[in-house]
Amino acid sequence: MERNKEIYKVTVIGGAVNVILLLFKFVAGILGNSAAMIADAVHSLSDFVTDIIVILFVRISGKPKDKSHDYGHGKYETLAMTIIGLALLVVAVGILYNGVTKIISWVNGQQLTAPGILALWAALLSIVLKEAVYHYSMVKARKLNSPAVEANAWHHRSDALSSIGTAIGIGGAIFLGQRWTVLDPIASVIVGIFITHVAIGLLRNGIGDLMEQSLPDEVEAEILQLAGSVEGVDEPHDLRTRRIGNHYAIELHILMDGQISLREAHDKASEVEDLLMLHYGDGTHVVVHVEPK
């Protein structure tokens, strides 16, 4: 429960920043006549929506095991990360479409309207605030081992980078003259490509976990090394791993002297399980199958 409270706290702080920024950006985009800033405001709106998703899904993932969920509800947190990745991808496609459309219009001779200085100030404020929230969220995500909070942190970072592109485009259009108003949509396209890259990464990890993707090779090698370090245990093999939310699920076979008693074999298997749970956390699901050698 303490972990969930920390996740809620991080998410609420990020959500408060998003509300402030999205309102300011919409006002600055309209009054400053900046399509790029309005697009940036939509990006902040998507951040706010994903904050709500994280709060809802982490509450569900924190529920204990029940009759219909023998392994708990941790996958809901992974599902939240996947939804955030999908939301990011939708936003990225919208930014790319808007930017490319404006560039095509400029190439065809249409004159693009230069944005106002208020839009530039909004972009600069967004960079500072969103980068600060990104670092805060990432520190908490690593401390809490929460993929949903980490995904949300990257969403904050993507918004900061989006605002950098917006600031460059708006600043160039304001200070370099009418011929350079195309910098605004060009910058938005570059940022859209970056956001697409981040979104695909989140979707790959989220879908991979939902599809029972194994843990990284280095983690599996570490698991085998830890199991084999227990005295009397030989040749850990047939290792199977996956993630359940922020916890690991580990199943493996070990060889032991076939002449020892059942109680001794059980105690050794329990020692392996305790060692792995001590290393990877109490929520780790460990199953050890003993074979005689």
Protein backbone atom coordinates (compact mmCIF):
# COMPACT_ATOMS: atom_id res chain seq x y z
CA MET A 1 0.00 0.00 0.00
CA GLU A 2 2.88 2.36 0.77
CA ARG A 3 4.21 1.83 -2.75
CA ASN A 4 0.83 2.66 -4.25
CA LYS A 5 0.65 5.86 -2.19
CA GLU A 6 4.05 6.91 -3.54
CA ILE A 7 2.92 6.21 -7.11
CA TYR A 8 -0.24 8.25 -6.55
CA LYS A 9 1.82 11.12 -5.14
CA VAL A 10 4.19 11.18 -8.13
CA THR A 11 1.30 10.96 -10.57
CA VAL A 12 -0.75 13.69 -8.86
CA ILE A 13 2.22 16.07 -8.90
CA GLY A 14 2.76 15.40 -12.60
CA GLY A 15 -0.95 15.78 -13.24
CA ALA A 16 -1.07 19.16 -11.50
CA VAL A 17 1.81 20.42 -13.65
CA ASN A 18 0.05 19.10 -16.76
CA VAL A 19 -3.20 20.91 -15.94
CA ILE A 20 -1.39 24.22 -15.40
CA LEU A 21 0.62 23.85 -18.60
CA LEU A 22 -2.17 22.67 -20.87
CA LEU A 23 -4.38 25.61 -19.88
CA PHE A 24 -1.53 28.10 -20.33
CA LYS A 25 -0.51 26.53 -23.65
CA PHE A 26 -4.02 26.63 -25.09
CA VAL A 27 -4.37 30.30 -24.11
CA ALA A 28 -0.87 31.12 -25.43
CA GLY A 29 -1.49 29.17 -28.64
CA ILE A 30 -4.76 30.96 -29.35
CA LEU A 31 -3.66 34.45 -28.33
CA GLY A 32 -0.17 33.96 -29.77
CA ASN A 33 -1.57 32.61 -33.05
CA SER A 34 0.65 29.50 -32.89
CA ALA A 35 -0.57 26.19 -34.28
CA ALA A 36 2.58 24.55 -32.89
CA MET A 37 1.75 25.71 -29.37
CA ILE A 38 -1.81 24.43 -29.68
CA ALA A 39 -0.37 21.06 -30.76
CA ASP A 40 1.93 21.20 -27.73
CA ALA A 41 -1.12 21.88 -25.56
CA VAL A 42 -2.79 18.78 -26.96
CA HIS A 43 0.36 16.85 -26.02
CA SER A 44 0.08 18.13 -22.44
CA LEU A 45 -3.58 17.12 -22.45
CA SER A 46 -2.54 13.57 -23.39
CA ASP A 47 -0.10 13.62 -20.45
CA PHE A 48 -2.96 14.51 -18.11
CA VAL A 49 -5.11 11.71 -19.49
CA THR A 50 -2.30 9.17 -18.98
CA ASP A 51 -1.84 10.40 -15.38
CA ILE A 52 -5.46 9.41 -14.75
CA ILE A 53 -4.85 6.03 -16.41
CA VAL A 54 -1.85 5.36 -14.15
CA ILE A 55 -3.83 6.21 -11.00
CA LEU A 56 -6.70 3.92 -11.99
CA PHE A 57 -4.57 0.96 -13.09
CA VAL A 58 -2.05 1.10 -10.23
CA ARG A 59 -4.95 0.98 -7.78
CA ILE A 60 -6.14 -2.21 -9.49
CA SER A 61 -2.63 -3.72 -9.74
CA GLY A 62 -2.13 -3.23 -5.99
CA LYS A 63 -4.98 -5.59 -5.13
CA PRO A 64 -3.94 -8.85 -3.46
CA LYS A 65 -4.33 -12.29 -5.03
CA ASP A 66 -7.87 -13.59 -5.25
CA LYS A 67 -9.73 -16.63 -6.54
CA SER A 68 -9.70 -15.45 -10.15
CA HIS A 69 -6.15 -13.97 -10.07
CA ASP A 70 -3.75 -16.52 -8.55
CA TYR A 71 -0.75 -14.43 -9.57
CA GLY A 72 -2.18 -11.11 -8.41
CA HIS A 73 -3.17 -8.09 -10.50
CA GLY A 74 0.30 -6.83 -11.47
CA LYS A 75 -0.39 -7.12 -15.21
CA TYR A 76 -2.76 -4.17 -14.97
CA GLU A 77 0.25 -1.92 -14.39
CA THR A 78 1.86 -3.33 -17.55
CA LEU A 79 -1.41 -2.71 -19.38
CA ALA A 80 -1.27 0.92 -18.20
CA MET A 81 2.22 1.28 -19.68
CA THR A 82 0.95 -0.14 -22.97
CA ILE A 83 -1.99 2.29 -23.07
CA ILE A 84 0.39 5.20 -22.37
CA GLY A 85 2.58 4.07 -25.26
CA LEU A 86 -0.47 3.90 -27.54
CA ALA A 87 -1.57 7.39 -26.43
CA LEU A 88 1.91 8.73 -27.17
CA LEU A 89 1.84 7.16 -30.62
CA VAL A 90 -1.54 8.76 -31.42
CA VAL A 91 -0.23 12.17 -30.30
CA ALA A 92 2.93 11.70 -32.38
CA VAL A 93 0.94 10.88 -35.52
CA GLY A 94 -1.18 13.99 -34.98
CA ILE A 95 1.90 16.19 -34.57
CA LEU A 96 3.52 14.69 -37.69
CA TYR A 97 0.38 15.14 -39.77
CA ASN A 98 -0.07 18.74 -38.69
CA GLY A 99 3.59 19.59 -39.32
CA VAL A 100 3.83 17.91 -42.72
CA THR A 101 0.59 19.56 -43.84
CA LYS A 102 1.94 23.01 -43.00
CA ILE A 103 5.27 22.33 -44.72
CA ILE A 104 3.46 21.23 -47.90
CA SER A 105 1.35 24.39 -47.77
CA TRP A 106 4.49 26.52 -47.39
CA VAL A 107 6.18 24.77 -50.32
CA ASN A 108 3.08 25.49 -52.42
CA GLY A 109 3.47 29.19 -51.71
CA GLN A 110 1.12 29.66 -48.78
CA GLN A 111 2.35 32.23 -46.28
CA LEU A 112 2.46 30.93 -42.73
CA THR A 113 1.51 33.29 -39.91
CA ALA A 114 4.30 34.11 -37.46
CA PRO A 115 3.46 33.28 -33.82
CA GLY A 116 3.46 35.79 -30.96
CA ILE A 117 5.96 36.14 -28.10
CA LEU A 118 3.47 34.72 -25.57
CA ALA A 119 3.69 31.35 -27.32
CA LEU A 120 7.48 31.39 -26.95
CA TRP A 121 7.27 32.07 -23.21
CA ALA A 122 4.80 29.21 -22.85
CA ALA A 123 7.20 26.85 -24.63
CA LEU A 124 10.14 27.89 -22.43
CA LEU A 125 8.08 27.45 -19.25
CA SER A 126 6.98 24.00 -20.42
CA ILE A 127 10.58 22.93 -21.02
CA VAL A 128 11.64 23.84 -17.48
CA LEU A 129 8.64 22.37 -15.67
CA LYS A 130 8.32 19.16 -17.68
CA GLU A 131 12.03 18.35 -17.49
CA ALA A 132 11.90 18.82 -13.72
CA VAL A 133 8.87 16.50 -13.45
CA TYR A 134 10.61 13.95 -15.70
CA HIS A 135 13.65 13.71 -13.41
CA TYR A 136 11.47 13.55 -10.29
CA SER A 137 9.26 10.81 -11.79
CA MET A 138 12.20 8.77 -13.09
CA VAL A 139 13.90 8.76 -9.67
CA LYS A 140 10.66 7.55 -8.08
CA ALA A 141 10.06 4.97 -10.85
CA ARG A 142 13.45 3.35 -10.22
CA LYS A 143 12.97 3.45 -6.46
CA LEU A 144 9.49 1.90 -6.71
CA ASN A 145 10.38 -0.38 -9.66
CA SER A 146 7.23 0.79 -11.44
CA PRO A 147 7.04 0.44 -15.25
CA ALA A 148 3.90 2.61 -15.33
CA VAL A 149 5.60 5.52 -13.52
CA GLU A 150 8.67 5.12 -15.75
CA ALA A 151 6.46 5.22 -18.84
CA ASN A 152 4.76 8.33 -17.52
CA ALA A 153 8.18 9.89 -16.83
CA TRP A 154 9.10 9.40 -20.47
CA HIS A 155 5.83 11.01 -21.43
CA HIS A 156 6.89 14.08 -19.40
CA ARG A 157 10.29 14.05 -21.13
CA SER A 158 8.64 13.80 -24.56
CA ASP A 159 6.53 16.84 -23.71
CA ALA A 160 9.67 18.77 -22.71
CA LEU A 161 11.35 17.82 -25.98
CA SER A 162 8.22 18.72 -27.88
CA SER A 163 8.35 22.13 -26.25
CA ILE A 164 12.02 22.52 -27.24
CA GLY A 165 11.08 21.94 -30.86
CA THR A 166 8.16 24.31 -30.49
CA ALA A 167 10.39 26.97 -28.90
CA ILE A 168 12.91 26.69 -31.73
CA GLY A 169 10.21 26.97 -34.37
CA ILE A 170 8.40 29.85 -32.66
CA GLY A 171 11.67 31.66 -31.85
CA GLY A 172 12.91 31.28 -35.40
CA ALA A 173 9.65 32.53 -36.85
CA ILE A 174 9.63 35.55 -34.52
CA PHE A 175 13.26 36.64 -34.74
CA LEU A 176 14.31 35.54 -38.25
CA GLY A 177 11.41 36.98 -40.19
CA GLN A 178 8.49 35.84 -42.30
CA ARG A 179 10.56 33.63 -44.60
CA TRP A 180 11.44 31.37 -41.67
CA THR A 181 7.97 30.68 -40.33
CA VAL A 182 8.35 27.16 -41.79
CA LEU A 183 10.74 26.42 -38.92
CA ASP A 184 7.73 25.92 -36.68
CA PRO A 185 6.25 22.92 -38.56
CA ILE A 186 9.73 21.52 -39.34
CA ALA A 187 10.58 21.45 -35.64
CA SER A 188 7.23 19.82 -34.82
CA VAL A 189 7.92 17.03 -37.34
CA ILE A 190 11.34 16.34 -35.79
CA VAL A 191 9.79 16.18 -32.33
CA GLY A 192 6.98 13.98 -33.65
CA ILE A 193 9.55 11.48 -34.93
CA PHE A 194 11.23 11.36 -31.51
CA ILE A 195 7.91 10.86 -29.72
CA THR A 196 7.07 8.04 -32.15
CA HIS A 197 10.37 6.33 -31.24
CA VAL A 198 9.61 6.59 -27.50
CA ALA A 199 6.03 5.35 -28.01
CA ILE A 200 7.16 2.31 -30.00
CA GLY A 201 9.67 1.45 -27.25
CA LEU A 202 6.97 1.59 -24.57
CA LEU A 203 4.57 -0.47 -26.70
CA ARG A 204 7.26 -3.07 -27.42
CA ASN A 205 8.03 -3.50 -23.71
CA GLY A 206 4.39 -3.43 -22.62
CA ILE A 207 3.17 -5.88 -25.25
CA GLY A 208 6.23 -8.07 -24.62
CA ASP A 209 5.36 -8.38 -20.92
CA LEU A 210 1.69 -8.98 -21.66
CA MET A 211 2.74 -11.74 -24.07
CA GLU A 212 4.90 -13.38 -21.34
CA GLN A 213 8.23 -12.18 -22.71
CA SER A 214 11.21 -13.60 -20.80
CA LEU A 215 13.40 -11.43 -18.59
CA PRO A 216 16.61 -10.03 -20.16
CA ASP A 217 19.49 -12.48 -20.70
CA GLU A 218 21.65 -10.81 -18.05
CA VAL A 219 18.90 -11.22 -15.43
CA GLU A 220 18.39 -14.89 -16.31
CA ALA A 221 22.16 -15.49 -16.08
CA GLU A 222 22.15 -13.86 -12.65
CA ILE A 223 19.25 -16.06 -11.51
CA LEU A 224 21.12 -19.22 -12.53
CA GLN A 225 24.27 -18.00 -10.78
CA LEU A 226 22.39 -17.26 -7.56
CA ALA A 227 20.62 -20.63 -7.56
CA GLY A 228 23.88 -22.47 -8.23
CA SER A 229 25.62 -20.66 -5.35
CA VAL A 230 23.57 -22.59 -2.76
CA GLU A 231 25.63 -25.45 -1.32
CA GLY A 232 24.39 -28.85 -2.49
CA VAL A 233 22.60 -27.42 -5.55
CA ASP A 234 23.96 -28.32 -9.00
CA GLU A 235 23.19 -27.38 -12.58
CA PRO A 236 20.20 -25.03 -12.38
CA HIS A 237 18.38 -25.48 -15.71
CA ASP A 238 15.05 -25.26 -17.56
CA LEU A 239 14.73 -21.66 -16.39
CA ARG A 240 11.48 -19.88 -17.23
CA THR A 241 10.93 -16.22 -16.41
CA ARG A 242 8.48 -13.40 -16.98
CA ARG A 243 7.26 -10.18 -15.38
CA ILE A 244 4.03 -9.79 -13.43
CA GLY A 245 3.69 -6.02 -13.13
CA ASN A 246 6.72 -4.84 -11.15
CA HIS A 247 7.56 -8.36 -9.89
CA TYR A 248 9.46 -11.28 -11.41
CA ALA A 249 8.12 -14.81 -11.87
CA ILE A 250 10.85 -17.47 -11.84
CA GLU A 251 10.60 -21.22 -12.40
CA LEU A 252 13.65 -23.50 -12.61
CA HIS A 253 14.91 -27.04 -12.09
CA ILE A 254 17.93 -28.00 -9.96
CA LEU A 255 19.92 -31.20 -9.43
CA MET A 256 20.61 -32.56 -5.92
CA ASP A 257 22.03 -35.71 -4.39
CA GLY A 258 19.44 -38.44 -4.85
CA GLN A 259 20.39 -40.07 -1.54
CA ILE A 260 19.33 -37.21 0.75
CA SER A 261 15.97 -37.20 2.50
CA LEU A 262 12.87 -35.52 1.12
CA ARG A 263 13.02 -33.01 3.98
CA GLU A 264 16.61 -32.06 3.15
CA ALA A 265 15.73 -31.63 -0.53
CA HIS A 266 12.74 -29.49 0.41
CA ASP A 267 14.84 -27.31 2.72
CA LYS A 268 17.47 -26.77 0.02
CA ALA A 269 14.80 -25.84 -2.53
CA SER A 270 13.34 -23.39 0.00
CA GLU A 271 16.81 -21.92 0.49
CA VAL A 272 17.05 -21.26 -3.24
CA GLU A 273 13.60 -19.65 -3.23
CA ASP A 274 14.45 -17.46 -0.22
CA LEU A 275 17.72 -16.33 -1.83
CA LEU A 276 15.97 -15.30 -5.05
CA MET A 277 13.19 -13.47 -3.17
CA LEU A 278 15.78 -11.72 -1.00
CA HIS A 279 17.56 -10.53 -4.16
CA TYR A 280 14.53 -9.61 -6.30
CA GLY A 281 11.94 -8.70 -3.64
CA ASP A 282 9.31 -10.42 -1.51
CA GLY A 283 6.78 -10.20 -4.34
CA THR A 284 8.89 -12.48 -6.54
CA HIS A 285 7.08 -15.68 -7.57
CA VAL A 286 9.57 -18.57 -7.37
CA VAL A 287 9.00 -22.26 -8.13
CA VAL A 288 11.90 -24.72 -7.77
CA HIS A 289 11.66 -28.29 -9.08
CA VAL A 290 14.18 -30.74 -7.59
CA GLU A 291 15.67 -33.59 -9.64
CA PRO A 292 18.04 -36.32 -8.37
CA LYS A 293 21.48 -36.55 -9.94
